[in-house]
PDB file of N, CA and C in Angstrom:
ATOM      1  N   MET A   1      14.199   6.806 -35.760  1.00  0.00           N
ATOM      2  CA  MET A   1      14.893   6.924 -34.498  1.00  0.00           C
ATOM      3  C   MET A   1      16.337   6.431 -34.623  1.00  0.00           C
ATOM      4  N   GLN A   2      16.484   5.272 -35.277  1.00  0.00           N
ATOM      5  CA  GLN A   2      17.829   4.718 -35.429  1.00  0.00           C
ATOM      6  C   GLN A   2      18.724   5.662 -36.227  1.00  0.00           C
ATOM      7  N   GLU A   3      18.132   6.317 -37.233  1.00  0.00           N
ATOM      8  CA  GLU A   3      18.915   7.246 -38.047  1.00  0.00           C
ATOM      9  C   GLU A   3      19.369   8.449 -37.218  1.00  0.00           C
ATOM     10  N   LYS A   4      18.487   8.937 -36.341  1.00  0.00           N
ATOM     11  CA  LYS A   4      18.837  10.080 -35.489  1.00  0.00           C
ATOM     12  C   LYS A   4      19.988   9.732 -34.558  1.00  0.00           C
ATOM     13  N   ILE A   5      19.956   8.534 -34.005  1.00  0.00           N
ATOM     14  CA  ILE A   5      21.038   8.108 -33.110  1.00  0.00           C
ATOM     15  C   ILE A   5      22.346   8.006 -33.896  1.00  0.00           C
ATOM     16  N   LYS A   6      22.256   7.438 -35.095  1.00  0.00           N
ATOM     17  CA  LYS A   6      23.473   7.296 -35.917  1.00  0.00           C
ATOM     18  C   LYS A   6      24.046   8.674 -36.274  1.00  0.00           C
ATOM     19  N   LEU A   7      23.171   9.610 -36.653  1.00  0.00           N
ATOM     20  CA  LEU A   7      23.643  10.953 -36.989  1.00  0.00           C
ATOM     21  C   LEU A   7      24.263  11.643 -35.780  1.00  0.00           C
ATOM     22  N   LYS A   8      23.645  11.504 -34.632  1.00  0.00           N
ATOM     23  CA  LYS A   8      24.128  12.219 -33.446  1.00  0.00           C
ATOM     24  C   LYS A   8      25.362  11.580 -32.828  1.00  0.00           C
ATOM     25  N   PHE A   9      25.379  10.240 -32.749  1.00  0.00           N
ATOM     26  CA  PHE A   9      26.457   9.565 -32.031  1.00  0.00           C
ATOM     27  C   PHE A   9      27.409   8.774 -32.937  1.00  0.00           C
ATOM     28  N   GLY A  10      27.031   8.595 -34.203  1.00  0.00           N
ATOM     29  CA  GLY A  10      27.929   7.951 -35.145  1.00  0.00           C
ATOM     30  C   GLY A  10      27.972   6.436 -35.114  1.00  0.00           C
ATOM     31  N   PHE A  11      26.950   5.782 -34.559  1.00  0.00           N
ATOM     32  CA  PHE A  11      26.928   4.316 -34.595  1.00  0.00           C
ATOM     33  C   PHE A  11      25.491   3.820 -34.708  1.00  0.00           C
ATOM     34  N   ASP A  12      25.359   2.607 -35.223  1.00  0.00           N
ATOM     35  CA  ASP A  12      24.051   1.976 -35.372  1.00  0.00           C
ATOM     36  C   ASP A  12      23.593   1.379 -34.043  1.00  0.00           C
ATOM     37  N   VAL A  13      22.273   1.390 -33.864  1.00  0.00           N
ATOM     38  CA  VAL A  13      21.681   0.812 -32.664  1.00  0.00           C
ATOM     39  C   VAL A  13      20.608  -0.167 -33.097  1.00  0.00           C
ATOM     40  N   ASP A  14      20.658  -1.357 -32.545  1.00  0.00           N
ATOM     41  CA  ASP A  14      19.631  -2.349 -32.803  1.00  0.00           C
ATOM     42  C   ASP A  14      18.384  -1.961 -32.003  1.00  0.00           C
ATOM     43  N   TYR A  15      17.242  -1.836 -32.699  1.00  0.00           N
ATOM     44  CA  TYR A  15      16.017  -1.362 -32.049  1.00  0.00           C
ATOM     45  C   TYR A  15      15.602  -2.277 -30.892  1.00  0.00           C
ATOM     46  N   LYS A  16      15.574  -3.588 -31.107  1.00  0.00           N
ATOM     47  CA  LYS A  16      15.152  -4.512 -30.047  1.00  0.00           C
ATOM     48  C   LYS A  16      16.074  -4.415 -28.836  1.00  0.00           C
ATOM     49  N   TYR A  17      17.349  -4.339 -29.097  1.00  0.00           N
ATOM     50  CA  TYR A  17      18.308  -4.234 -27.998  1.00  0.00           C
ATOM     51  C   TYR A  17      18.075  -2.958 -27.194  1.00  0.00           C
ATOM     52  N   SER A  18      17.922  -1.839 -27.908  1.00  0.00           N
ATOM     53  CA  SER A  18      17.736  -0.566 -27.200  1.00  0.00           C
ATOM     54  C   SER A  18      16.405  -0.541 -26.462  1.00  0.00           C
ATOM     55  N   ALA A  19      15.344  -1.101 -27.050  1.00  0.00           N
ATOM     56  CA  ALA A  19      14.042  -1.148 -26.366  1.00  0.00           C
ATOM     57  C   ALA A  19      14.141  -1.997 -25.102  1.00  0.00           C
ATOM     58  N   ASN A  20      14.846  -3.119 -25.177  1.00  0.00           N
ATOM     59  CA  ASN A  20      15.032  -3.962 -23.992  1.00  0.00           C
ATOM     60  C   ASN A  20      15.839  -3.255 -22.915  1.00  0.00           C
ATOM     61  N   MET A  21      16.844  -2.494 -23.320  1.00  0.00           N
ATOM     62  CA  MET A  21      17.647  -1.752 -22.345  1.00  0.00           C
ATOM     63  C   MET A  21      16.813  -0.665 -21.661  1.00  0.00           C
ATOM     64  N   VAL A  22      15.987   0.028 -22.431  1.00  0.00           N
ATOM     65  CA  VAL A  22      15.114   1.047 -21.846  1.00  0.00           C
ATOM     66  C   VAL A  22      14.163   0.399 -20.845  1.00  0.00           C
ATOM     67  N   TYR A  23      13.553  -0.725 -21.220  1.00  0.00           N
ATOM     68  CA  TYR A  23      12.646  -1.437 -20.312  1.00  0.00           C
ATOM     69  C   TYR A  23      13.384  -1.851 -19.038  1.00  0.00           C
ATOM     70  N   LYS A  24      14.617  -2.333 -19.189  1.00  0.00           N
ATOM     71  CA  LYS A  24      15.398  -2.776 -18.031  1.00  0.00           C
ATOM     72  C   LYS A  24      15.679  -1.604 -17.083  1.00  0.00           C
ATOM     73  N   VAL A  25      16.054  -0.468 -17.628  1.00  0.00           N
ATOM     74  CA  VAL A  25      16.328   0.709 -16.799  1.00  0.00           C
ATOM     75  C   VAL A  25      15.054   1.164 -16.088  1.00  0.00           C
ATOM     76  N   ILE A  26      13.938   1.196 -16.807  1.00  0.00           N
ATOM     77  CA  ILE A  26      12.669   1.592 -16.187  1.00  0.00           C
ATOM     78  C   ILE A  26      12.294   0.624 -15.079  1.00  0.00           C
ATOM     79  N   LYS A  27      12.443  -0.663 -15.327  1.00  0.00           N
ATOM     80  CA  LYS A  27      12.112  -1.687 -14.332  1.00  0.00           C
ATOM     81  C   LYS A  27      12.997  -1.555 -13.095  1.00  0.00           C
ATOM     82  N   GLU A  28      14.297  -1.331 -13.302  1.00  0.00           N
ATOM     83  CA  GLU A  28      15.211  -1.175 -12.171  1.00  0.00           C
ATOM     84  C   GLU A  28      14.935   0.106 -11.391  1.00  0.00           C
ATOM     85  N   THR A  29      14.532   1.154 -12.087  1.00  0.00           N
ATOM     86  CA  THR A  29      14.288   2.436 -11.442  1.00  0.00           C
ATOM     87  C   THR A  29      12.950   2.465 -10.705  1.00  0.00           C
ATOM     88  N   PHE A  30      11.892   1.993 -11.371  1.00  0.00           N
ATOM     89  CA  PHE A  30      10.543   2.135 -10.830  1.00  0.00           C
ATOM     90  C   PHE A  30       9.920   0.833 -10.351  1.00  0.00           C
ATOM     91  N   GLY A  31      10.536  -0.308 -10.624  1.00  0.00           N
ATOM     92  CA  GLY A  31       9.960  -1.591 -10.238  1.00  0.00           C
ATOM     93  C   GLY A  31       8.960  -2.071 -11.272  1.00  0.00           C
ATOM     94  N   GLU A  32       8.336  -3.185 -10.957  1.00  0.00           N
ATOM     95  CA  GLU A  32       7.322  -3.759 -11.850  1.00  0.00           C
ATOM     96  C   GLU A  32       6.089  -2.860 -11.898  1.00  0.00           C
ATOM     97  N   PRO A  33       5.419  -2.775 -13.055  1.00  0.00           N
ATOM     98  CA  PRO A  33       4.184  -1.986 -13.134  1.00  0.00           C
ATOM     99  C   PRO A  33       3.140  -2.429 -12.114  1.00  0.00           C
ATOM    100  N   THR A  34       3.144  -3.700 -11.757  1.00  0.00           N
ATOM    101  CA  THR A  34       2.165  -4.181 -10.776  1.00  0.00           C
ATOM    102  C   THR A  34       2.428  -3.612  -9.382  1.00  0.00           C
ATOM    103  N   GLN A  35       3.601  -3.022  -9.174  1.00  0.00           N
ATOM    104  CA  GLN A  35       3.940  -2.439  -7.874  1.00  0.00           C
ATOM    105  C   GLN A  35       3.745  -0.923  -7.833  1.00  0.00           C
ATOM    106  N   ASP A  36       3.267  -0.320  -8.926  1.00  0.00           N
ATOM    107  CA  ASP A  36       3.108   1.136  -8.989  1.00  0.00           C
ATOM    108  C   ASP A  36       2.292   1.689  -7.831  1.00  0.00           C
ATOM    109  N   ALA A  37       1.164   1.077  -7.543  1.00  0.00           N
ATOM    110  CA  ALA A  37       0.278   1.590  -6.493  1.00  0.00           C
ATOM    111  C   ALA A  37       0.957   1.530  -5.130  1.00  0.00           C
ATOM    112  N   HIS A  38       1.629   0.446  -4.862  1.00  0.00           N
ATOM    113  CA  HIS A  38       2.299   0.319  -3.566  1.00  0.00           C
ATOM    114  C   HIS A  38       3.513   1.238  -3.472  1.00  0.00           C
ATOM    115  N   ASN A  39       4.201   1.452  -4.589  1.00  0.00           N
ATOM    116  CA  ASN A  39       5.300   2.413  -4.591  1.00  0.00           C
ATOM    117  C   ASN A  39       4.783   3.829  -4.337  1.00  0.00           C
ATOM    118  N   LEU A  40       3.635   4.161  -4.914  1.00  0.00           N
ATOM    119  CA  LEU A  40       3.019   5.466  -4.663  1.00  0.00           C
ATOM    120  C   LEU A  40       2.629   5.602  -3.195  1.00  0.00           C
ATOM    121  N   GLU A  41       2.059   4.558  -2.627  1.00  0.00           N
ATOM    122  CA  GLU A  41       1.701   4.552  -1.200  1.00  0.00           C
ATOM    123  C   GLU A  41       2.944   4.783  -0.339  1.00  0.00           C
ATOM    124  N   LEU A  42       4.037   4.079  -0.637  1.00  0.00           N
ATOM    125  CA  LEU A  42       5.280   4.256   0.122  1.00  0.00           C
ATOM    126  C   LEU A  42       5.830   5.670  -0.030  1.00  0.00           C
ATOM    127  N   LEU A  43       5.758   6.222  -1.237  1.00  0.00           N
ATOM    128  CA  LEU A  43       6.212   7.587  -1.473  1.00  0.00           C
ATOM    129  C   LEU A  43       5.402   8.575  -0.635  1.00  0.00           C
ATOM    130  N   CYS A  44       4.083   8.411  -0.628  1.00  0.00           N
ATOM    131  CA  CYS A  44       3.223   9.303   0.166  1.00  0.00           C
ATOM    132  C   CYS A  44       3.523   9.174   1.658  1.00  0.00           C
ATOM    133  N   GLN A  45       3.749   7.958   2.130  1.00  0.00           N
ATOM    134  CA  GLN A  45       4.096   7.753   3.537  1.00  0.00           C
ATOM    135  C   GLN A  45       5.421   8.445   3.876  1.00  0.00           C
ATOM    136  N   ASP A  46       6.383   8.350   2.970  1.00  0.00           N
ATOM    137  CA  ASP A  46       7.675   8.988   3.176  1.00  0.00           C
ATOM    138  C   ASP A  46       7.539  10.507   3.208  1.00  0.00           C
ATOM    139  N   ILE A  47       6.748  11.060   2.292  1.00  0.00           N
ATOM    140  CA  ILE A  47       6.519  12.508   2.281  1.00  0.00           C
ATOM    141  C   ILE A  47       5.853  12.933   3.580  1.00  0.00           C
ATOM    142  N   LYS A  48       4.879  12.149   4.039  1.00  0.00           N
ATOM    143  CA  LYS A  48       4.147  12.465   5.274  1.00  0.00           C
ATOM    144  C   LYS A  48       5.098  12.497   6.478  1.00  0.00           C
ATOM    145  N   LYS A  49       6.094  11.614   6.508  1.00  0.00           N
ATOM    146  CA  LYS A  49       7.070  11.614   7.609  1.00  0.00           C
ATOM    147  C   LYS A  49       7.833  12.934   7.676  1.00  0.00           C
ATOM    148  N   ASN A  50       8.189  13.473   6.512  1.00  0.00           N
ATOM    149  CA  ASN A  50       8.980  14.701   6.453  1.00  0.00           C
ATOM    150  C   ASN A  50       8.146  15.975   6.474  1.00  0.00           C
ATOM    151  N   PHE A  51       6.905  15.880   6.026  1.00  0.00           N
ATOM    152  CA  PHE A  51       6.017  17.047   5.962  1.00  0.00           C
ATOM    153  C   PHE A  51       4.678  16.653   6.572  1.00  0.00           C
ATOM    154  N   THR A  52       4.520  16.907   7.865  1.00  0.00           N
ATOM    155  CA  THR A  52       3.347  16.409   8.603  1.00  0.00           C
ATOM    156  C   THR A  52       2.031  16.979   8.094  1.00  0.00           C
ATOM    157  N   GLU A  53       2.071  18.133   7.420  1.00  0.00           N
ATOM    158  CA  GLU A  53       0.826  18.723   6.914  1.00  0.00           C
ATOM    159  C   GLU A  53       0.409  18.150   5.560  1.00  0.00           C
ATOM    160  N   PHE A  54       1.235  17.311   4.966  1.00  0.00           N
ATOM    161  CA  PHE A  54       0.865  16.621   3.729  1.00  0.00           C
ATOM    162  C   PHE A  54      -0.243  15.629   4.072  1.00  0.00           C
ATOM    163  N   TYR A  55      -1.291  15.603   3.255  1.00  0.00           N
ATOM    164  CA  TYR A  55      -2.414  14.698   3.514  1.00  0.00           C
ATOM    165  C   TYR A  55      -2.569  13.740   2.342  1.00  0.00           C
ATOM    166  N   PHE A  56      -2.770  12.471   2.675  1.00  0.00           N
ATOM    167  CA  PHE A  56      -3.124  11.519   1.636  1.00  0.00           C
ATOM    168  C   PHE A  56      -3.992  10.427   2.241  1.00  0.00           C
ATOM    169  N   LYS A  57      -4.829   9.883   1.412  1.00  0.00           N
ATOM    170  CA  LYS A  57      -5.712   8.792   1.815  1.00  0.00           C
ATOM    171  C   LYS A  57      -5.798   7.847   0.635  1.00  0.00           C
ATOM    172  N   SER A  58      -5.611   6.563   0.914  1.00  0.00           N
ATOM    173  CA  SER A  58      -5.716   5.574  -0.152  1.00  0.00           C
ATOM    174  C   SER A  58      -6.554   4.406   0.340  1.00  0.00           C
ATOM    175  N   GLN A  59      -7.160   3.720  -0.600  1.00  0.00           N
ATOM    176  CA  GLN A  59      -7.964   2.547  -0.275  1.00  0.00           C
ATOM    177  C   GLN A  59      -7.554   1.414  -1.199  1.00  0.00           C
ATOM    178  N   PHE A  60      -7.395   0.232  -0.602  1.00  0.00           N
ATOM    179  CA  PHE A  60      -7.067  -0.974  -1.353  1.00  0.00           C
ATOM    180  C   PHE A  60      -8.196  -1.979  -1.155  1.00  0.00           C
ATOM    181  N   ASP A  61      -8.436  -2.824  -2.147  1.00  0.00           N
ATOM    182  CA  ASP A  61      -9.496  -3.827  -2.026  1.00  0.00           C
ATOM    183  C   ASP A  61      -8.975  -5.085  -1.329  1.00  0.00           C
ATOM    184  N   LYS A  62      -9.803  -6.125  -1.282  1.00  0.00           N
ATOM    185  CA  LYS A  62      -9.446  -7.379  -0.608  1.00  0.00           C
ATOM    186  C   LYS A  62      -8.240  -8.051  -1.240  1.00  0.00           C
ATOM    187  N   GLU A  63      -8.037  -7.812  -2.535  1.00  0.00           N
ATOM    188  CA  GLU A  63      -6.894  -8.392  -3.251  1.00  0.00           C
ATOM    189  C   GLU A  63      -5.667  -7.485  -3.202  1.00  0.00           C
ATOM    190  N   ASN A  64      -5.738  -6.446  -2.377  1.00  0.00           N
ATOM    191  CA  ASN A  64      -4.654  -5.481  -2.198  1.00  0.00           C
ATOM    192  C   ASN A  64      -4.370  -4.672  -3.459  1.00  0.00           C
ATOM    193  N   LYS A  65      -5.419  -4.420  -4.243  1.00  0.00           N
ATOM    194  CA  LYS A  65      -5.304  -3.565  -5.419  1.00  0.00           C
ATOM    195  C   LYS A  65      -5.818  -2.172  -5.060  1.00  0.00           C
ATOM    196  N   LEU A  66      -5.144  -1.159  -5.570  1.00  0.00           N
ATOM    197  CA  LEU A  66      -5.520   0.215  -5.299  1.00  0.00           C
ATOM    198  C   LEU A  66      -6.910   0.510  -5.850  1.00  0.00           C
ATOM    199  N   GLN A  67      -7.774   1.033  -5.005  1.00  0.00           N
ATOM    200  CA  GLN A  67      -9.114   1.439  -5.432  1.00  0.00           C
ATOM    201  C   GLN A  67      -9.203   2.950  -5.592  1.00  0.00           C
ATOM    202  N   SER A  68      -8.556   3.689  -4.694  1.00  0.00           N
ATOM    203  CA  SER A  68      -8.587   5.146  -4.799  1.00  0.00           C
ATOM    204  C   SER A  68      -7.418   5.741  -4.029  1.00  0.00           C
ATOM    205  N   ILE A  69      -7.039   6.940  -4.433  1.00  0.00           N
ATOM    206  CA  ILE A  69      -6.005   7.687  -3.714  1.00  0.00           C
ATOM    207  C   ILE A  69      -6.286   9.171  -3.893  1.00  0.00           C
ATOM    208  N   PHE A  70      -6.055   9.912  -2.832  1.00  0.00           N
ATOM    209  CA  PHE A  70      -6.214  11.363  -2.851  1.00  0.00           C
ATOM    210  C   PHE A  70      -5.053  11.945  -2.073  1.00  0.00           C
ATOM    211  N   PHE A  71      -4.501  13.065  -2.541  1.00  0.00           N
ATOM    212  CA  PHE A  71      -3.465  13.740  -1.765  1.00  0.00           C
ATOM    213  C   PHE A  71      -3.612  15.243  -1.930  1.00  0.00           C
ATOM    214  N   SER A  72      -3.140  15.960  -0.924  1.00  0.00           N
ATOM    215  CA  SER A  72      -3.088  17.415  -1.024  1.00  0.00           C
ATOM    216  C   SER A  72      -1.931  17.926  -0.180  1.00  0.00           C
ATOM    217  N   THR A  73      -1.317  18.970  -0.667  1.00  0.00           N
ATOM    218  CA  THR A  73      -0.214  19.606   0.048  1.00  0.00           C
ATOM    219  C   THR A  73      -0.757  20.818   0.797  1.00  0.00           C
ATOM    220  N   PRO A  74      -0.031  21.300   1.802  1.00  0.00           N
ATOM    221  CA  PRO A  74      -0.477  22.517   2.484  1.00  0.00           C
ATOM    222  C   PRO A  74      -0.660  23.687   1.528  1.00  0.00           C
ATOM    223  N   SER A  75       0.234  23.798   0.563  1.00  0.00           N
ATOM    224  CA  SER A  75       0.133  24.881  -0.425  1.00  0.00           C
ATOM    225  C   SER A  75      -1.157  24.762  -1.238  1.00  0.00           C
ATOM    226  N   MET A  76      -1.515  23.548  -1.624  1.00  0.00           N
ATOM    227  CA  MET A  76      -2.742  23.347  -2.388  1.00  0.00           C
ATOM    228  C   MET A  76      -3.960  23.772  -1.570  1.00  0.00           C
ATOM    229  N   ARG A  77      -3.982  23.407  -0.286  1.00  0.00           N
ATOM    230  CA  ARG A  77      -5.127  23.758   0.566  1.00  0.00           C
ATOM    231  C   ARG A  77      -5.202  25.260   0.808  1.00  0.00           C
ATOM    232  N   LYS A  78      -4.043  25.904   1.015  1.00  0.00           N
ATOM    233  CA  LYS A  78      -4.037  27.357   1.203  1.00  0.00           C
ATOM    234  C   LYS A  78      -4.549  28.070  -0.038  1.00  0.00           C
ATOM    235  N   GLN A  79      -4.088  27.622  -1.203  1.00  0.00           N
ATOM    236  CA  GLN A  79      -4.560  28.223  -2.449  1.00  0.00           C
ATOM    237  C   GLN A  79      -6.060  28.038  -2.613  1.00  0.00           C
ATOM    238  N   TYR A  80      -6.544  26.851  -2.317  1.00  0.00           N
ATOM    239  CA  TYR A  80      -7.975  26.594  -2.439  1.00  0.00           C
ATOM    240  C   TYR A  80      -8.767  27.465  -1.462  1.00  0.00           C
ATOM    241  N   ASP A  81      -8.332  27.525  -0.209  1.00  0.00           N
ATOM    242  CA  ASP A  81      -9.038  28.335   0.794  1.00  0.00           C
ATOM    243  C   ASP A  81      -9.076  29.809   0.416  1.00  0.00           C
ATOM    244  N   LYS A  82      -7.997  30.301  -0.159  1.00  0.00           N
ATOM    245  CA  LYS A  82      -7.887  31.718  -0.464  1.00  0.00           C
ATOM    246  C   LYS A  82      -8.512  32.112  -1.799  1.00  0.00           C
ATOM    247  N   TYR A  83      -8.375  31.267  -2.806  1.00  0.00           N
ATOM    248  CA  TYR A  83      -8.746  31.662  -4.164  1.00  0.00           C
ATOM    249  C   TYR A  83      -9.721  30.724  -4.861  1.00  0.00           C
ATOM    250  N   SER A  84     -10.492  29.983  -4.168  1.00  0.00           N
ATOM    251  CA  SER A  84     -11.325  28.961  -4.817  1.00  0.00           C
ATOM    252  C   SER A  84     -12.521  29.562  -5.545  1.00  0.00           C
ATOM    253  N   ASN A  85     -12.295  30.079  -6.720  1.00  0.00           N
ATOM    254  CA  ASN A  85     -13.366  30.636  -7.533  1.00  0.00           C
ATOM    255  C   ASN A  85     -14.012  29.589  -8.422  1.00  0.00           C
ATOM    256  N   LEU A  86     -13.238  28.636  -8.872  1.00  0.00           N
ATOM    257  CA  LEU A  86     -13.746  27.649  -9.802  1.00  0.00           C
ATOM    258  C   LEU A  86     -13.057  26.320  -9.539  1.00  0.00           C
ATOM    259  N   LEU A  87     -13.853  25.290  -9.396  1.00  0.00           N
ATOM    260  CA  LEU A  87     -13.320  23.946  -9.221  1.00  0.00           C
ATOM    261  C   LEU A  87     -13.975  23.058 -10.261  1.00  0.00           C
ATOM    262  N   ILE A  88     -13.165  22.382 -11.061  1.00  0.00           N
ATOM    263  CA  ILE A  88     -13.675  21.491 -12.096  1.00  0.00           C
ATOM    264  C   ILE A  88     -13.161  20.095 -11.802  1.00  0.00           C
ATOM    265  N   ILE A  89     -14.054  19.132 -11.793  1.00  0.00           N
ATOM    266  CA  ILE A  89     -13.659  17.738 -11.613  1.00  0.00           C
ATOM    267  C   ILE A  89     -14.231  16.944 -12.774  1.00  0.00           C
ATOM    268  N   ASP A  90     -13.373  16.173 -13.421  1.00  0.00           N
ATOM    269  CA  ASP A  90     -13.783  15.345 -14.547  1.00  0.00           C
ATOM    270  C   ASP A  90     -13.387  13.912 -14.232  1.00  0.00           C
ATOM    271  N   THR A  91     -14.345  13.011 -14.233  1.00  0.00           N
ATOM    272  CA  THR A  91     -14.035  11.605 -14.017  1.00  0.00           C
ATOM    273  C   THR A  91     -14.155  10.887 -15.348  1.00  0.00           C
ATOM    274  N   THR A  92     -13.070  10.306 -15.775  1.00  0.00           N
ATOM    275  CA  THR A  92     -13.028   9.586 -17.038  1.00  0.00           C
ATOM    276  C   THR A  92     -12.872   8.108 -16.716  1.00  0.00           C
ATOM    277  N   PHE A  93     -13.736   7.287 -17.250  1.00  0.00           N
ATOM    278  CA  PHE A  93     -13.785   5.885 -16.865  1.00  0.00           C
ATOM    279  C   PHE A  93     -12.739   5.045 -17.579  1.00  0.00           C
ATOM    280  N   LYS A  94     -11.936   4.340 -16.818  1.00  0.00           N
ATOM    281  CA  LYS A  94     -10.977   3.334 -17.295  1.00  0.00           C
ATOM    282  C   LYS A  94     -10.077   3.833 -18.425  1.00  0.00           C
ATOM    283  N   THR A  95      -9.257   4.826 -18.115  1.00  0.00           N
ATOM    284  CA  THR A  95      -8.418   5.403 -19.152  1.00  0.00           C
ATOM    285  C   THR A  95      -6.939   5.101 -18.979  1.00  0.00           C
ATOM    286  N   ASN A  96      -6.535   4.470 -17.892  1.00  0.00           N
ATOM    287  CA  ASN A  96      -5.106   4.213 -17.724  1.00  0.00           C
ATOM    288  C   ASN A  96      -4.771   2.749 -17.970  1.00  0.00           C
ATOM    289  N   ARG A  97      -3.506   2.420 -17.883  1.00  0.00           N
ATOM    290  CA  ARG A  97      -3.076   1.060 -18.233  1.00  0.00           C
ATOM    291  C   ARG A  97      -3.611  -0.004 -17.284  1.00  0.00           C
ATOM    292  N   PHE A  98      -4.107   0.395 -16.110  1.00  0.00           N
ATOM    293  CA  PHE A  98      -4.673  -0.562 -15.169  1.00  0.00           C
ATOM    294  C   PHE A  98      -6.189  -0.607 -15.261  1.00  0.00           C
ATOM    295  N   HIS A  99      -6.758   0.088 -16.223  1.00  0.00           N
ATOM    296  CA  HIS A  99      -8.206   0.164 -16.424  1.00  0.00           C
ATOM    297  C   HIS A  99      -8.922   0.663 -15.177  1.00  0.00           C
ATOM    298  N   MET A 100      -8.321   1.658 -14.535  1.00  0.00           N
ATOM    299  CA  MET A 100      -8.920   2.272 -13.353  1.00  0.00           C
ATOM    300  C   MET A 100      -9.535   3.605 -13.749  1.00  0.00           C
ATOM    301  N   PRO A 101     -10.632   3.987 -13.104  1.00  0.00           N
ATOM    302  CA  PRO A 101     -11.187   5.327 -13.350  1.00  0.00           C
ATOM    303  C   PRO A 101     -10.147   6.388 -12.992  1.00  0.00           C
ATOM    304  N   LEU A 102     -10.202   7.489 -13.678  1.00  0.00           N
ATOM    305  CA  LEU A 102      -9.239   8.560 -13.468  1.00  0.00           C
ATOM    306  C   LEU A 102      -9.993   9.853 -13.229  1.00  0.00           C
ATOM    307  N   MET A 103      -9.662  10.556 -12.144  1.00  0.00           N
ATOM    308  CA  MET A 103     -10.281  11.852 -11.876  1.00  0.00           C
ATOM    309  C   MET A 103      -9.269  12.941 -12.201  1.00  0.00           C
ATOM    310  N   ILE A 104      -9.710  13.901 -12.962  1.00  0.00           N
ATOM    311  CA  ILE A 104      -8.872  15.057 -13.251  1.00  0.00           C
ATOM    312  C   ILE A 104      -9.577  16.273 -12.683  1.00  0.00           C
ATOM    313  N   GLY A 105      -8.874  17.007 -11.853  1.00  0.00           N
ATOM    314  CA  GLY A 105      -9.451  18.207 -11.250  1.00  0.00           C
ATOM    315  C   GLY A 105      -8.635  19.415 -11.644  1.00  0.00           C
ATOM    316  N   ALA A 106      -9.308  20.517 -11.856  1.00  0.00           N
ATOM    317  CA  ALA A 106      -8.609  21.759 -12.188  1.00  0.00           C
ATOM    318  C   ALA A 106      -9.167  22.881 -11.333  1.00  0.00           C
ATOM    319  N   LEU A 107      -8.287  23.709 -10.813  1.00  0.00           N
ATOM    320  CA  LEU A 107      -8.675  24.836  -9.984  1.00  0.00           C
ATOM    321  C   LEU A 107      -8.091  26.092 -10.607  1.00  0.00           C
ATOM    322  N   VAL A 108      -8.914  27.114 -10.764  1.00  0.00           N
ATOM    323  CA  VAL A 108      -8.439  28.399 -11.272  1.00  0.00           C
ATOM    324  C   VAL A 108      -8.738  29.431 -10.204  1.00  0.00           C
ATOM    325  N   ASN A 109      -7.700  30.136  -9.744  1.00  0.00           N
ATOM    326  CA  ASN A 109      -7.942  31.129  -8.699  1.00  0.00           C
ATOM    327  C   ASN A 109      -8.208  32.501  -9.312  1.00  0.00           C
ATOM    328  N   ASN A 110      -8.568  33.474  -8.454  1.00  0.00           N
ATOM    329  CA  ASN A 110      -8.938  34.793  -8.958  1.00  0.00           C
ATOM    330  C   ASN A 110      -7.738  35.605  -9.437  1.00  0.00           C
ATOM    331  N   MET A 111      -6.551  35.062  -9.303  1.00  0.00           N
ATOM    332  CA  MET A 111      -5.366  35.739  -9.825  1.00  0.00           C
ATOM    333  C   MET A 111      -4.873  35.061 -11.097  1.00  0.00           C
ATOM    334  N   GLY A 112      -5.681  34.136 -11.620  1.00  0.00           N
ATOM    335  CA  GLY A 112      -5.326  33.460 -12.859  1.00  0.00           C
ATOM    336  C   GLY A 112      -4.442  32.239 -12.674  1.00  0.00           C
ATOM    337  N   GLY A 113      -4.103  31.905 -11.417  1.00  0.00           N
ATOM    338  CA  GLY A 113      -3.294  30.708 -11.172  1.00  0.00           C
ATOM    339  C   GLY A 113      -4.090  29.463 -11.432  1.00  0.00           C
ATOM    340  N   ARG A 114      -3.438  28.437 -11.898  1.00  0.00           N
ATOM    341  CA  ARG A 114      -4.108  27.184 -12.235  1.00  0.00           C
ATOM    342  C   ARG A 114      -3.424  26.013 -11.545  1.00  0.00           C
ATOM    343  N   LEU A 115      -4.216  25.058 -11.149  1.00  0.00           N
ATOM    344  CA  LEU A 115      -3.712  23.817 -10.568  1.00  0.00           C
ATOM    345  C   LEU A 115      -4.439  22.678 -11.250  1.00  0.00           C
ATOM    346  N   LEU A 116      -3.700  21.725 -11.751  1.00  0.00           N
ATOM    347  CA  LEU A 116      -4.304  20.575 -12.428  1.00  0.00           C
ATOM    348  C   LEU A 116      -3.853  19.328 -11.723  1.00  0.00           C
ATOM    349  N   LEU A 117      -4.788  18.464 -11.366  1.00  0.00           N
ATOM    350  CA  LEU A 117      -4.477  17.192 -10.721  1.00  0.00           C
ATOM    351  C   LEU A 117      -5.004  16.067 -11.579  1.00  0.00           C
ATOM    352  N   SER A 118      -4.341  14.949 -11.565  1.00  0.00           N
ATOM    353  CA  SER A 118      -4.924  13.754 -12.160  1.00  0.00           C
ATOM    354  C   SER A 118      -4.593  12.588 -11.251  1.00  0.00           C
ATOM    355  N   LEU A 119      -5.605  11.903 -10.809  1.00  0.00           N
ATOM    356  CA  LEU A 119      -5.443  10.825  -9.848  1.00  0.00           C
ATOM    357  C   LEU A 119      -6.316   9.643 -10.232  1.00  0.00           C
ATOM    358  N   PRO A 120      -5.828   8.430 -10.055  1.00  0.00           N
ATOM    359  CA  PRO A 120      -6.747   7.301 -10.165  1.00  0.00           C
ATOM    360  C   PRO A 120      -7.719   7.357  -8.994  1.00  0.00           C
ATOM    361  N   CYS A 121      -8.951   7.046  -9.226  1.00  0.00           N
ATOM    362  CA  CYS A 121      -9.906   7.088  -8.112  1.00  0.00           C
ATOM    363  C   CYS A 121     -10.821   5.882  -8.150  1.00  0.00           C
TER     364      CYS A 121
END
């Protein structure tokens, strides 16, 4: 990686320094990883304010940790109502960085369109 940067930009980069800078930018942009669930909740609430037909439901436990979340857009529901030939749901246990179960759903309509979702559940 360091060689690629040197070839492209003509200067050396210290790996630790660059990794720390990337982490800092990610932290400033997205917040702490422990706030991911609440940031997602706020994002869904904001979308709901602007698009009243957007649906989402989330559940938090007594410690205010995300237990499940589901969302659907009007377009997703229309596609499902019109073309729901095949629905596949796969639940994979504890596969993300928070050790939460993850549901992956796939929908294939009769026109060959595909929709893939992945949500912690």
